[in-house]
Amino acid sequence: MRRVPSALLAIVLAGALTAWLGMYETGLPMAARSNTTVPLWRLLAMGAAVVPVVSLHSGLADVEVVATGRLRWAQRWYLVVAGVGGGVLYLAVSALTVPPSLLLIIARSWPAWLGLALVSGMVVGWRLAWTLPVATGSVLWYWGDQGNAHYRWWEFSARPSDDLPSLLLSAALLAVGLVAYSVTPWRRRRLAFWRSRKR
């Protein structure tokens, strides 16, 4: 169905870029100040986390809309292997130069980016699953920084590694993504059918 090695290779390459360039900082506009810098590892971690979901896109997307349970089963296993395996590979390669405290932040933000990509993929299609994570990242990076390395409670991609609200938010975003993924077209039709019968 999908090529897991291709997705994992893209994630490993993103991990290598993170190990090589991740500590460099790039200038971005922020609400707290006119301009500040964001380390590249934050951008690369988001990009790597959406790869498993974006790679669900297929040239047969129109046919897969009416797919059987067997395809959905294979798709779920693909997401588990590429999502979890990709996260482990990304962290392992990044660990060559990235400090452990930052690796914990990346590991905490991975489920959130994955969940946002799942929601986006279900709404606008797998090929464009990156749109909601990028939009969310733009909001996080613009309004999340309060200056002096202090971040708002909802900035899950930068707060300290032991921050509980960020962990809970990341888990909640993954749960929302999994729920969105489970709402297939035939389940939506079935819910609409049962609602019309109750009236």
Protein backbone atom coordinates (compact mmCIF):
# COMPACT_ATOMS: atom_id res chain seq x y z
CA MET A 1 0.00 0.00 0.00
CA ARG A 2 2.55 2.62 1.13
CA ARG A 3 6.30 2.46 1.28
CA VAL A 4 7.28 2.64 4.95
CA PRO A 5 11.03 2.79 4.14
CA SER A 6 10.55 5.97 2.07
CA ALA A 7 8.75 7.75 4.92
CA LEU A 8 11.31 6.53 7.48
CA LEU A 9 14.16 7.66 5.23
CA ALA A 10 12.65 11.16 5.00
CA ILE A 11 12.36 11.23 8.80
CA VAL A 12 15.97 10.05 9.22
CA LEU A 13 17.11 12.80 6.84
CA ALA A 14 15.17 15.36 8.89
CA GLY A 15 16.85 13.96 12.01
CA ALA A 16 20.27 14.32 10.35
CA LEU A 17 19.44 17.94 9.47
CA THR A 18 18.38 18.49 13.07
CA ALA A 19 21.64 17.01 14.34
CA TRP A 20 23.63 19.16 11.90
CA LEU A 21 21.71 22.48 11.88
CA GLY A 22 19.17 22.14 14.66
CA MET A 23 20.89 24.48 17.11
CA TYR A 24 21.11 27.31 14.58
CA GLU A 25 18.48 29.99 14.97
CA THR A 26 16.41 31.75 12.38
CA GLY A 27 14.72 35.11 12.74
CA LEU A 28 10.93 35.19 12.87
CA PRO A 29 8.52 38.01 13.74
CA MET A 30 6.92 37.65 17.17
CA ALA A 31 4.11 39.43 18.97
CA ALA A 32 6.16 40.02 22.14
CA ARG A 33 8.97 41.75 20.25
CA SER A 34 9.55 43.02 16.76
CA ASN A 35 11.84 40.11 15.88
CA THR A 36 13.44 37.18 17.64
CA THR A 37 15.02 33.87 16.78
CA VAL A 38 13.64 30.34 16.77
CA PRO A 39 15.95 27.31 16.77
CA LEU A 40 15.69 25.23 13.62
CA TRP A 41 15.07 22.02 15.59
CA ARG A 42 11.54 23.28 16.34
CA LEU A 43 10.77 23.67 12.63
CA LEU A 44 12.43 20.39 11.64
CA ALA A 45 10.67 18.40 14.39
CA MET A 46 7.29 19.57 13.11
CA GLY A 47 8.23 18.71 9.54
CA ALA A 48 9.40 15.22 10.48
CA ALA A 49 6.30 14.51 12.57
CA VAL A 50 3.90 15.18 9.69
CA VAL A 51 5.73 12.89 7.23
CA PRO A 52 3.84 9.69 8.26
CA VAL A 53 0.48 11.39 7.70
CA VAL A 54 1.41 13.18 4.45
CA SER A 55 2.72 9.89 3.07
CA LEU A 56 -0.80 8.42 3.32
CA HIS A 57 -1.56 10.28 0.10
CA SER A 58 -1.97 8.04 -2.89
CA GLY A 59 -2.71 8.39 -6.58
CA LEU A 60 -5.70 6.15 -5.90
CA ALA A 61 -7.16 8.49 -3.25
CA ASP A 62 -10.57 8.60 -4.96
CA VAL A 63 -10.81 4.81 -4.95
CA GLU A 64 -9.63 4.55 -1.34
CA VAL A 65 -12.53 6.69 -0.12
CA VAL A 66 -14.77 3.64 -0.56
CA ALA A 67 -12.11 1.17 0.61
CA THR A 68 -12.79 -1.94 2.64
CA GLY A 69 -11.81 -2.62 6.21
CA ARG A 70 -8.66 -4.37 5.05
CA LEU A 71 -7.23 -1.17 3.59
CA ARG A 72 -8.14 0.78 6.74
CA TRP A 73 -6.42 -1.91 8.84
CA ALA A 74 -3.26 -1.62 6.70
CA GLN A 75 -3.45 2.17 6.90
CA ARG A 76 -3.68 2.06 10.71
CA TRP A 77 -0.65 -0.22 10.96
CA TYR A 78 1.24 2.02 8.55
CA LEU A 79 0.51 5.03 10.77
CA VAL A 80 1.60 3.15 13.91
CA VAL A 81 4.86 1.91 12.36
CA ALA A 82 5.72 5.18 10.60
CA GLY A 83 4.53 7.40 13.47
CA VAL A 84 6.16 5.56 16.39
CA GLY A 85 9.12 4.13 14.46
CA GLY A 86 9.72 7.46 12.77
CA GLY A 87 9.68 9.27 16.09
CA VAL A 88 12.21 6.85 17.58
CA LEU A 89 14.48 7.13 14.53
CA TYR A 90 14.22 10.91 14.48
CA LEU A 91 15.14 11.17 18.15
CA ALA A 92 17.98 8.66 17.81
CA VAL A 93 19.58 10.53 14.90
CA SER A 94 18.99 13.95 16.48
CA ALA A 95 20.58 12.75 19.72
CA LEU A 96 23.99 12.89 18.05
CA THR A 97 24.20 16.63 18.84
CA VAL A 98 20.91 17.75 20.42
CA PRO A 99 20.95 17.90 24.25
CA PRO A 100 18.69 15.45 26.15
CA SER A 101 16.48 18.24 27.54
CA LEU A 102 15.61 19.32 23.99
CA LEU A 103 15.06 15.72 22.89
CA LEU A 104 12.41 15.43 25.61
CA ILE A 105 10.68 18.55 24.27
CA ILE A 106 10.78 17.11 20.74
CA ALA A 107 9.39 13.78 21.99
CA ARG A 108 6.59 15.61 23.80
CA SER A 109 5.66 17.71 20.76
CA TRP A 110 5.76 14.79 18.26
CA PRO A 111 2.27 13.43 19.20
CA ALA A 112 0.78 16.93 18.98
CA TRP A 113 2.13 17.53 15.47
CA LEU A 114 1.00 14.06 14.43
CA GLY A 115 -2.51 14.66 15.79
CA LEU A 116 -2.79 18.03 14.04
CA ALA A 117 -1.66 16.42 10.79
CA LEU A 118 -4.33 13.71 11.16
CA VAL A 119 -7.06 16.33 11.63
CA SER A 120 -5.79 18.31 8.65
CA GLY A 121 -5.50 15.18 6.52
CA MET A 122 -9.07 14.15 7.22
CA VAL A 123 -10.38 17.62 6.40
CA VAL A 124 -8.34 18.69 3.36
CA GLY A 125 -6.74 15.41 2.24
CA TRP A 126 -3.56 13.53 3.07
CA ARG A 127 -1.44 15.44 0.56
CA LEU A 128 -2.20 18.70 2.43
CA ALA A 129 -1.97 17.25 5.94
CA TRP A 130 0.88 19.66 6.68
CA THR A 131 -1.37 22.75 6.52
CA LEU A 132 -2.83 22.67 10.06
CA PRO A 133 0.55 21.92 11.72
CA VAL A 134 2.16 24.80 9.80
CA ALA A 135 -0.70 27.18 10.69
CA THR A 136 -0.52 26.07 14.34
CA GLY A 137 3.25 26.45 14.35
CA SER A 138 2.92 29.98 13.02
CA VAL A 139 0.56 30.84 15.88
CA LEU A 140 2.83 29.19 18.45
CA TRP A 141 5.95 30.95 17.22
CA TYR A 142 4.29 34.36 16.80
CA TRP A 143 2.22 34.60 19.99
CA GLY A 144 3.70 31.89 22.20
CA ASP A 145 6.97 33.62 23.10
CA GLN A 146 6.65 36.07 25.99
CA GLY A 147 10.32 37.04 25.90
CA ASN A 148 13.30 36.04 28.05
CA ALA A 149 12.78 32.33 27.26
CA HIS A 150 9.29 32.36 28.81
CA TYR A 151 6.49 30.77 26.81
CA ARG A 152 2.74 30.70 27.20
CA TRP A 153 1.23 27.51 28.67
CA TRP A 154 -0.04 26.35 25.27
CA GLU A 155 3.33 26.59 23.52
CA PHE A 156 3.98 22.83 23.62
CA SER A 157 6.94 22.99 21.23
CA ALA A 158 9.18 25.12 23.45
CA ARG A 159 8.21 24.95 27.12
CA PRO A 160 10.55 23.07 29.49
CA SER A 161 10.67 19.30 29.18
CA ASP A 162 8.95 18.72 32.55
CA ASP A 163 5.96 20.98 31.79
CA LEU A 164 2.74 19.07 32.55
CA PRO A 165 0.24 21.34 30.71
CA SER A 166 2.27 20.96 27.50
CA LEU A 167 2.31 17.19 27.89
CA LEU A 168 -1.45 17.08 28.46
CA LEU A 169 -2.07 19.39 25.51
CA SER A 170 0.11 17.24 23.28
CA ALA A 171 -1.77 14.09 24.36
CA ALA A 172 -5.12 15.85 23.80
CA LEU A 173 -4.11 16.93 20.27
CA LEU A 174 -3.09 13.37 19.43
CA ALA A 175 -6.43 12.10 20.79
CA VAL A 176 -8.34 14.64 18.67
CA GLY A 177 -6.36 13.52 15.62
CA LEU A 178 -7.10 9.86 16.29
CA VAL A 179 -10.81 10.59 16.72
CA ALA A 180 -10.83 12.58 13.47
CA TYR A 181 -9.06 9.71 11.72
CA SER A 182 -11.61 7.20 13.01
CA VAL A 183 -14.58 9.18 11.64
CA THR A 184 -14.66 7.64 8.19
CA PRO A 185 -17.27 8.60 5.57
CA TRP A 186 -19.33 5.47 6.23
CA ARG A 187 -19.30 6.12 9.99
CA ARG A 188 -20.53 9.67 9.36
CA ARG A 189 -23.32 8.27 7.18
CA ARG A 190 -24.22 5.73 9.87
CA LEU A 191 -24.40 8.47 12.54
CA ALA A 192 -26.59 10.61 10.28
CA PHE A 193 -28.85 7.60 9.67
CA TRP A 194 -29.31 6.92 13.40
CA ARG A 195 -29.95 10.59 14.12
CA SER A 196 -32.67 10.74 11.47
CA ARG A 197 -34.35 7.62 12.91
CA LYS A 198 -34.50 9.14 16.40
CA ARG A 199 -36.49 12.12 15.16
